[in-house]
Amino acid sequence: MAFALPVWLAVHEELLRHGEADCGTCSCFDEFDDEALFQLFHLSRPCVAFIADAVRGRLKTLPLDEPGLPADAMVMLALNYYAHGVNSAPVLQRVGLSQADGAALVVGTVSGVVAAMSDEFISFPLSPGAKANVASKVEGLCGIPRVLGVLAPAHFKIRASPYEKNSFRSFVNTLGYTSVVSQIVCDSDGNVLSVDRCCVGSTCEQEMWESSSEGKEMEKELLGLTPFCITHILTPLSVPDGESEIRFNEAHAKIHSVMRTTLGSLKRRFRCLMQLGFAQEASLNKKSNIIKACCVLHNIAKKFSVPPPPPAGKIEALHPGKQLSAPAEVDPEALQARQKVIDENFSVVSSSQDPAVHMRQYCRV
């Protein structure tokens, strides 16, 4: 179960106090000044110390087959790989590895540990208070009420063998390159609220949604198994008709741009996500662990207010995603829910309504 923010911060402060008490203990990160540290890991010193402390205790519980590296050295190798997609010579030299092949085993181990920390550092709003808090911030940003997050399929480039034709084709997405894809949900501040296991790049969005924990949670609410009202995914209108629908689409684009910025920040800080290397359809767990680990570290970096490196080029556009070959009939209740949002919030009449009324009608859209 994820910590509520005050508890998370209390744990964070306790760890920092503990770190101050042990300040005489040397760390392999101490050899780098703050500027070099950021260049190598794209994180600040307090943030790195927090991550190392969180991972160190968890590594102690694992039976490790890797070379006898200290926990901090293992964390250093993994953070350096996440930041650059390869291990830098100064880091390999510092931990005593001459070949990156040995580092790959260490990175895989640390990725599994950090990915498992998602239960603590990635939290989809489930309680009434958490839902209301996320929805209030989204409404303040774009004017759309009762929204619990921004959802998008996030594609990450991989290499696949062209000699295995069937497997190769399964990785090819609608933009024509090979990738794996994960369904990611973020809030209006760019915090990752949910990240699902990755699938081959040709996977349909609907399939990912229906198999995700959020999709199943929505299905429970549709069946009346929870105290919250009927929920829907809120999509823009393909052909807006009239000023109110145009205003709604503009508001939708505003909140959806948060996901574009979030994924851009994620890939700038963790450049391993720009190219995840060779992948096989039968063994995607390692790729999933790396993606989820980077999402955990993204949320931690935001808590420490560590900016990502400056963009090296244009921010990648959100992927259009693959639709089912035979699209299912559009849920009329979803269309009615969207139209109600438009009528109540984006028509001329709605501008005079009390926004508190909408929160009393709280539901997920």
Protein backbone atom coordinates (compact mmCIF):
# COMPACT_ATOMS: atom_id res chain seq x y z
CA MET A 1 0.00 0.00 0.00
CA ALA A 2 1.31 3.44 -0.90
CA PHE A 3 2.13 5.97 1.79
CA ALA A 4 0.01 9.10 2.01
CA LEU A 5 2.08 12.21 1.30
CA PRO A 6 2.60 13.32 4.95
CA VAL A 7 3.73 9.81 5.89
CA TRP A 8 6.01 9.64 2.83
CA LEU A 9 7.63 12.93 3.81
CA ALA A 10 7.99 11.80 7.41
CA VAL A 11 9.79 8.66 6.28
CA HIS A 12 11.92 10.78 3.95
CA GLU A 13 12.90 13.15 6.78
CA GLU A 14 13.67 10.21 9.06
CA LEU A 15 15.96 8.70 6.42
CA LEU A 16 17.74 12.01 5.98
CA ARG A 17 18.24 12.34 9.74
CA HIS A 18 19.59 8.80 9.75
CA GLY A 19 21.93 9.76 6.91
CA GLU A 20 23.16 12.77 8.83
CA ALA A 21 23.88 10.58 11.83
CA ASP A 22 25.95 8.27 9.60
CA CYS A 23 27.66 11.08 7.69
CA GLY A 24 31.04 9.66 8.62
CA THR A 25 30.33 6.56 6.52
CA CYS A 26 31.96 6.76 3.09
CA SER A 27 29.91 6.18 -0.04
CA CYS A 28 31.17 5.50 -3.54
CA PHE A 29 29.14 8.55 -4.63
CA ASP A 30 31.30 10.84 -2.44
CA GLU A 31 34.11 10.88 -5.01
CA PHE A 32 31.98 12.97 -7.41
CA ASP A 33 31.16 16.62 -6.86
CA ASP A 34 27.56 17.81 -7.26
CA GLU A 35 27.99 18.79 -10.91
CA ALA A 36 29.59 15.48 -11.89
CA LEU A 37 26.96 13.62 -9.88
CA PHE A 38 24.15 15.24 -11.86
CA GLN A 39 25.91 14.64 -15.17
CA LEU A 40 26.38 10.96 -14.38
CA PHE A 41 22.99 10.22 -12.79
CA HIS A 42 20.68 13.19 -13.60
CA LEU A 43 19.82 13.36 -9.89
CA SER A 44 20.87 15.52 -6.95
CA ARG A 45 23.04 14.28 -4.07
CA PRO A 46 20.19 14.15 -1.48
CA CYS A 47 18.03 12.30 -4.00
CA VAL A 48 20.77 9.77 -4.77
CA ALA A 49 21.38 9.25 -1.03
CA PHE A 50 17.68 8.59 -0.45
CA ILE A 51 17.49 6.10 -3.32
CA ALA A 52 20.67 4.29 -2.23
CA ASP A 53 19.35 4.01 1.32
CA ALA A 54 15.97 2.68 0.14
CA VAL A 55 17.53 0.09 -2.18
CA ARG A 56 20.33 -0.96 0.18
CA GLY A 57 18.03 -2.53 2.74
CA ARG A 58 16.07 -4.42 0.10
CA LEU A 59 19.20 -5.80 -1.56
CA LYS A 60 20.25 -7.36 1.75
CA THR A 61 17.25 -9.69 1.55
CA LEU A 62 18.16 -11.05 -1.91
CA PRO A 63 20.43 -14.02 -2.68
CA LEU A 64 22.81 -12.29 -5.10
CA ASP A 65 24.83 -14.15 -7.72
CA GLU A 66 26.56 -11.03 -9.06
CA PRO A 67 30.19 -10.20 -8.22
CA GLY A 68 30.65 -9.13 -4.65
CA LEU A 69 29.88 -5.47 -5.18
CA PRO A 70 28.72 -3.25 -2.29
CA ALA A 71 25.08 -2.21 -2.48
CA ASP A 72 25.97 1.42 -3.22
CA ALA A 73 28.13 0.32 -6.16
CA MET A 74 25.24 -1.69 -7.55
CA VAL A 75 22.94 1.32 -7.20
CA MET A 76 25.56 3.51 -8.89
CA LEU A 77 25.77 1.20 -11.91
CA ALA A 78 21.97 1.09 -12.26
CA LEU A 79 21.43 4.86 -11.90
CA ASN A 80 24.18 5.56 -14.41
CA TYR A 81 22.63 3.13 -16.89
CA TYR A 82 19.17 4.65 -16.46
CA ALA A 83 20.55 8.14 -17.06
CA HIS A 84 22.51 7.32 -20.25
CA GLY A 85 21.47 3.91 -21.56
CA VAL A 86 25.08 2.73 -21.17
CA ASN A 87 27.52 2.72 -18.27
CA SER A 88 30.05 5.56 -18.26
CA ALA A 89 33.75 4.76 -18.05
CA PRO A 90 34.25 6.68 -14.74
CA VAL A 91 31.49 4.65 -13.09
CA LEU A 92 32.76 1.30 -14.38
CA GLN A 93 36.25 2.25 -13.21
CA ARG A 94 34.97 3.33 -9.81
CA VAL A 95 33.20 0.02 -9.12
CA GLY A 96 36.01 -2.07 -10.60
CA LEU A 97 34.28 -3.51 -13.66
CA SER A 98 36.12 -3.44 -16.96
CA GLN A 99 33.28 -4.73 -19.13
CA ALA A 100 29.69 -3.51 -19.34
CA ASP A 101 28.48 -7.11 -19.68
CA GLY A 102 28.97 -7.70 -15.97
CA ALA A 103 27.14 -4.47 -15.22
CA ALA A 104 24.03 -5.69 -17.08
CA LEU A 105 23.41 -8.38 -14.45
CA VAL A 106 23.68 -5.80 -11.70
CA VAL A 107 21.34 -3.40 -13.48
CA GLY A 108 18.79 -6.20 -13.88
CA THR A 109 18.90 -6.99 -10.17
CA VAL A 110 18.58 -3.37 -9.05
CA SER A 111 15.78 -2.76 -11.58
CA GLY A 112 13.77 -5.59 -10.06
CA VAL A 113 14.25 -4.14 -6.58
CA VAL A 114 13.33 -0.58 -7.56
CA ALA A 115 10.34 -1.75 -9.63
CA ALA A 116 9.05 -3.57 -6.54
CA MET A 117 9.15 -0.23 -4.71
CA SER A 118 6.27 0.96 -6.92
CA ASP A 119 3.83 -0.16 -4.21
CA GLU A 120 5.24 2.64 -2.05
CA PHE A 121 6.08 5.36 -4.55
CA ILE A 122 3.44 4.99 -7.30
CA SER A 123 -0.10 5.38 -6.05
CA PHE A 124 -3.34 5.50 -8.04
CA PRO A 125 -6.01 7.41 -6.08
CA LEU A 126 -8.45 4.94 -4.56
CA SER A 127 -9.73 6.58 -1.37
CA PRO A 128 -12.40 9.31 -1.58
CA GLY A 129 -9.97 11.93 -0.25
CA ALA A 130 -7.21 10.99 -2.70
CA LYS A 131 -9.65 11.03 -5.61
CA ALA A 132 -11.01 14.43 -4.64
CA ASN A 133 -7.50 15.87 -4.29
CA VAL A 134 -6.38 14.72 -7.76
CA ALA A 135 -9.68 15.79 -9.36
CA SER A 136 -9.52 19.24 -7.76
CA LYS A 137 -6.04 19.91 -9.19
CA VAL A 138 -7.06 18.74 -12.66
CA GLU A 139 -10.14 20.95 -12.58
CA GLY A 140 -8.02 23.90 -11.50
CA LEU A 141 -5.72 23.36 -14.48
CA CYS A 142 -8.19 22.78 -17.30
CA GLY A 143 -11.72 23.22 -15.93
CA ILE A 144 -12.82 19.60 -16.39
CA PRO A 145 -14.18 18.20 -13.09
CA ARG A 146 -13.96 14.72 -11.56
CA VAL A 147 -10.90 13.54 -13.54
CA LEU A 148 -8.60 11.07 -11.79
CA GLY A 149 -5.65 11.09 -14.16
CA VAL A 150 -4.28 11.36 -17.68
CA LEU A 151 -3.90 8.05 -19.50
CA ALA A 152 -1.71 7.26 -22.50
CA PRO A 153 0.15 4.33 -24.09
CA ALA A 154 3.87 5.06 -23.70
CA HIS A 155 6.06 3.51 -26.39
CA PHE A 156 9.74 2.72 -25.84
CA LYS A 157 11.97 1.77 -28.76
CA ILE A 158 13.58 -1.67 -28.78
CA ARG A 159 15.53 -3.84 -31.20
CA ALA A 160 13.97 -7.06 -32.44
CA SER A 161 15.39 -9.74 -34.71
CA PRO A 162 14.07 -9.36 -38.29
CA TYR A 163 14.85 -13.04 -38.85
CA GLU A 164 12.00 -14.01 -36.48
CA LYS A 165 9.33 -12.55 -38.75
CA ASN A 166 6.23 -13.19 -36.63
CA SER A 167 7.86 -11.90 -33.46
CA PHE A 168 9.34 -8.91 -35.29
CA ARG A 169 5.95 -7.86 -36.68
CA SER A 170 4.37 -8.00 -33.23
CA PHE A 171 6.80 -5.31 -32.02
CA VAL A 172 6.09 -2.92 -34.92
CA ASN A 173 3.78 -0.10 -33.79
CA THR A 174 1.54 2.15 -35.89
CA LEU A 175 4.41 4.56 -36.55
CA GLY A 176 6.42 1.77 -38.14
CA TYR A 177 9.20 1.21 -35.60
CA THR A 178 9.73 -1.61 -33.09
CA SER A 179 8.75 -0.86 -29.52
CA VAL A 180 7.28 -2.07 -26.27
CA VAL A 181 4.35 -0.17 -24.81
CA SER A 182 3.15 0.44 -21.25
CA GLN A 183 -0.06 2.09 -20.14
CA ILE A 184 0.85 5.04 -17.91
CA VAL A 185 -1.41 7.33 -15.87
CA CYS A 186 -0.20 10.63 -14.39
CA ASP A 187 -1.76 13.49 -12.44
CA SER A 188 -1.84 17.18 -13.31
CA ASP A 189 1.56 17.71 -11.63
CA GLY A 190 3.26 15.03 -13.71
CA ASN A 191 3.50 12.42 -10.95
CA VAL A 192 3.13 8.87 -12.25
CA LEU A 193 0.02 7.33 -10.69
CA SER A 194 0.13 3.99 -12.46
CA VAL A 195 2.36 2.05 -14.85
CA ASP A 196 1.40 -1.35 -16.22
CA ARG A 197 3.69 -4.12 -17.47
CA CYS A 198 4.93 -3.56 -21.00
CA CYS A 199 3.51 -5.33 -24.03
CA VAL A 200 4.66 -5.66 -27.64
CA GLY A 201 4.33 -2.43 -29.62
CA SER A 202 1.41 -3.65 -31.75
CA THR A 203 -0.86 -4.16 -28.72
CA CYS A 204 -4.21 -2.34 -28.96
CA GLU A 205 -4.97 0.35 -26.39
CA GLN A 206 -8.30 -1.27 -25.55
CA GLU A 207 -6.60 -4.57 -24.75
CA MET A 208 -4.14 -2.83 -22.41
CA TRP A 209 -6.92 -0.92 -20.68
CA GLU A 210 -9.16 -3.95 -20.15
CA SER A 211 -6.32 -6.01 -18.67
CA SER A 212 -5.02 -3.21 -16.41
CA SER A 213 -5.83 -2.92 -12.71
CA GLU A 214 -7.45 0.48 -13.38
CA GLY A 215 -9.64 -0.97 -16.12
CA LYS A 216 -10.73 -3.78 -13.82
CA GLU A 217 -11.40 -1.28 -11.03
CA MET A 218 -13.58 0.71 -13.41
CA GLU A 219 -15.44 -2.45 -14.37
CA LYS A 220 -16.19 -3.11 -10.70
CA GLU A 221 -17.65 0.37 -10.37
CA LEU A 222 -19.72 -0.17 -13.50
CA LEU A 223 -21.08 -3.33 -11.88
CA GLY A 224 -21.96 -1.41 -8.74
CA LEU A 225 -19.46 -3.21 -6.51
CA THR A 226 -18.02 0.00 -5.08
CA PRO A 227 -19.75 3.05 -3.55
CA PHE A 228 -18.66 5.36 -6.41
CA CYS A 229 -20.78 6.21 -9.40
CA ILE A 230 -20.38 5.01 -12.97
CA THR A 231 -17.02 5.93 -14.49
CA HIS A 232 -15.72 6.57 -18.00
CA ILE A 233 -12.61 7.42 -19.96
CA LEU A 234 -13.06 10.97 -21.17
CA THR A 235 -11.98 11.46 -24.79
CA PRO A 236 -12.03 14.55 -27.03
CA LEU A 237 -14.56 14.98 -29.81
CA SER A 238 -13.18 14.05 -33.21
CA VAL A 239 -15.36 16.69 -34.91
CA PRO A 240 -16.38 19.37 -32.38
CA ASP A 241 -19.61 21.18 -33.20
CA GLY A 242 -20.10 24.61 -31.63
CA GLU A 243 -18.12 26.77 -29.21
CA SER A 244 -18.81 24.65 -26.13
CA GLU A 245 -17.38 21.50 -27.74
CA ILE A 246 -14.39 23.45 -29.04
CA ARG A 247 -13.74 24.80 -25.53
CA PHE A 248 -14.00 21.28 -24.15
CA ASN A 249 -11.49 19.96 -26.68
CA GLU A 250 -9.10 22.81 -25.82
CA ALA A 251 -9.40 21.95 -22.11
CA HIS A 252 -8.86 18.26 -22.88
CA ALA A 253 -5.74 19.10 -24.91
CA LYS A 254 -4.43 21.20 -22.03
CA ILE A 255 -4.59 18.38 -19.50
CA HIS A 256 -3.45 15.78 -22.05
CA SER A 257 -0.34 17.87 -22.75
CA VAL A 258 0.69 17.13 -19.16
CA MET A 259 1.24 13.50 -20.17
CA ARG A 260 3.34 14.57 -23.16
CA THR A 261 5.50 16.73 -20.88
CA THR A 262 5.73 13.95 -18.27
CA LEU A 263 6.89 11.35 -20.77
CA GLY A 264 9.34 13.86 -22.23
CA SER A 265 10.76 14.55 -18.77
CA LEU A 266 10.94 10.82 -18.03
CA LYS A 267 12.92 10.09 -21.21
CA ARG A 268 15.21 13.09 -20.75
CA ARG A 269 16.20 12.07 -17.24
CA PHE A 270 16.37 8.34 -17.99
CA ARG A 271 17.76 8.10 -21.51
CA CYS A 272 17.84 4.32 -21.38
CA LEU A 273 14.12 4.63 -22.22
CA MET A 274 15.03 6.10 -25.60
CA GLN A 275 16.36 2.68 -26.64
CA LEU A 276 15.81 -0.35 -24.42
CA GLY A 277 17.95 -2.69 -26.52
CA PHE A 278 17.14 -6.15 -27.82
CA ALA A 279 13.81 -7.67 -26.75
CA GLN A 280 12.01 -10.96 -27.23
CA GLU A 281 8.25 -11.38 -26.93
CA ALA A 282 8.55 -14.25 -24.46
CA SER A 283 10.77 -12.34 -22.03
CA LEU A 284 9.61 -8.77 -21.47
CA ASN A 285 9.86 -8.78 -17.68
CA LYS A 286 13.31 -7.17 -17.67
CA LYS A 287 12.06 -4.33 -19.89
CA SER A 288 9.01 -3.92 -17.66
CA ASN A 289 11.22 -3.69 -14.58
CA ILE A 290 13.40 -0.99 -16.15
CA ILE A 291 10.35 1.07 -17.22
CA LYS A 292 8.69 0.75 -13.82
CA ALA A 293 11.96 1.46 -11.98
CA CYS A 294 12.39 4.70 -13.97
CA CYS A 295 8.82 5.71 -13.09
CA VAL A 296 9.52 5.11 -9.38
CA LEU A 297 12.71 7.20 -9.61
CA HIS A 298 10.83 9.90 -11.57
CA ASN A 299 8.37 10.31 -8.68
CA ILE A 300 11.18 10.38 -6.13
CA ALA A 301 13.08 12.99 -8.15
CA LYS A 302 9.96 15.16 -8.26
CA LYS A 303 9.65 14.93 -4.45
CA PHE A 304 13.21 16.24 -4.23
CA SER A 305 12.44 18.94 -6.85
CA VAL A 306 15.27 17.75 -9.10
CA PRO A 307 14.78 19.15 -12.63
CA PRO A 308 15.44 16.86 -15.58
CA PRO A 309 18.29 17.64 -17.98
CA PRO A 310 17.43 20.18 -20.69
CA PRO A 311 15.78 18.74 -23.82
CA ALA A 312 18.17 17.68 -26.54
CA GLY A 313 15.49 18.07 -29.23
CA LYS A 314 11.74 18.21 -29.73
CA ILE A 315 9.48 16.63 -27.11
CA GLU A 316 8.20 13.34 -28.49
CA ALA A 317 4.56 13.45 -29.52
CA LEU A 318 2.13 11.09 -27.83
CA HIS A 319 1.75 7.91 -29.83
CA PRO A 320 -1.60 7.59 -31.62
CA GLY A 321 -1.90 3.98 -30.51
CA LYS A 322 -3.35 1.00 -32.34
CA GLN A 323 -7.09 0.55 -32.50
CA LEU A 324 -8.94 -2.73 -32.73
CA SER A 325 -9.46 -3.95 -36.30
CA ALA A 326 -13.19 -4.16 -35.59
CA PRO A 327 -13.95 -1.27 -33.21
CA ALA A 328 -16.49 -2.03 -30.51
CA GLU A 329 -19.66 -0.02 -30.39
CA VAL A 330 -19.17 3.23 -28.47
CA ASP A 331 -20.71 3.07 -25.02
CA PRO A 332 -23.72 5.43 -25.10
CA GLU A 333 -23.33 6.08 -21.36
CA ALA A 334 -19.77 7.31 -21.99
CA LEU A 335 -21.03 9.70 -24.66
CA GLN A 336 -23.77 10.93 -22.33
CA ALA A 337 -21.25 11.46 -19.53
CA ARG A 338 -19.00 13.48 -21.84
CA GLN A 339 -21.91 15.56 -23.09
CA LYS A 340 -22.96 16.26 -19.50
CA VAL A 341 -19.44 17.51 -18.71
CA ILE A 342 -19.58 19.79 -21.75
CA ASP A 343 -23.05 21.15 -20.94
CA GLU A 344 -22.28 21.77 -17.28
CA ASN A 345 -18.80 23.24 -17.67
CA PHE A 346 -18.20 24.60 -21.17
CA SER A 347 -21.49 26.12 -22.29
CA VAL A 348 -22.22 29.82 -21.74
CA VAL A 349 -24.82 28.98 -19.09
CA SER A 350 -22.43 26.77 -17.12
CA SER A 351 -20.03 29.65 -16.45
CA SER A 352 -22.35 30.95 -13.74
CA GLN A 353 -22.62 27.63 -11.89
CA ASP A 354 -20.99 27.03 -8.53
CA PRO A 355 -18.01 24.65 -9.08
CA ALA A 356 -18.70 23.13 -5.66
CA VAL A 357 -21.80 21.55 -7.16
CA HIS A 358 -19.62 19.44 -9.43
CA MET A 359 -17.54 18.08 -6.56
CA ARG A 360 -20.69 17.03 -4.72
CA GLN A 361 -21.48 14.94 -7.81
CA TYR A 362 -17.97 13.44 -7.69
CA CYS A 363 -17.24 10.50 -9.96
CA ARG A 364 -14.48 9.37 -12.30
CA VAL A 365 -14.76 10.33 -15.99
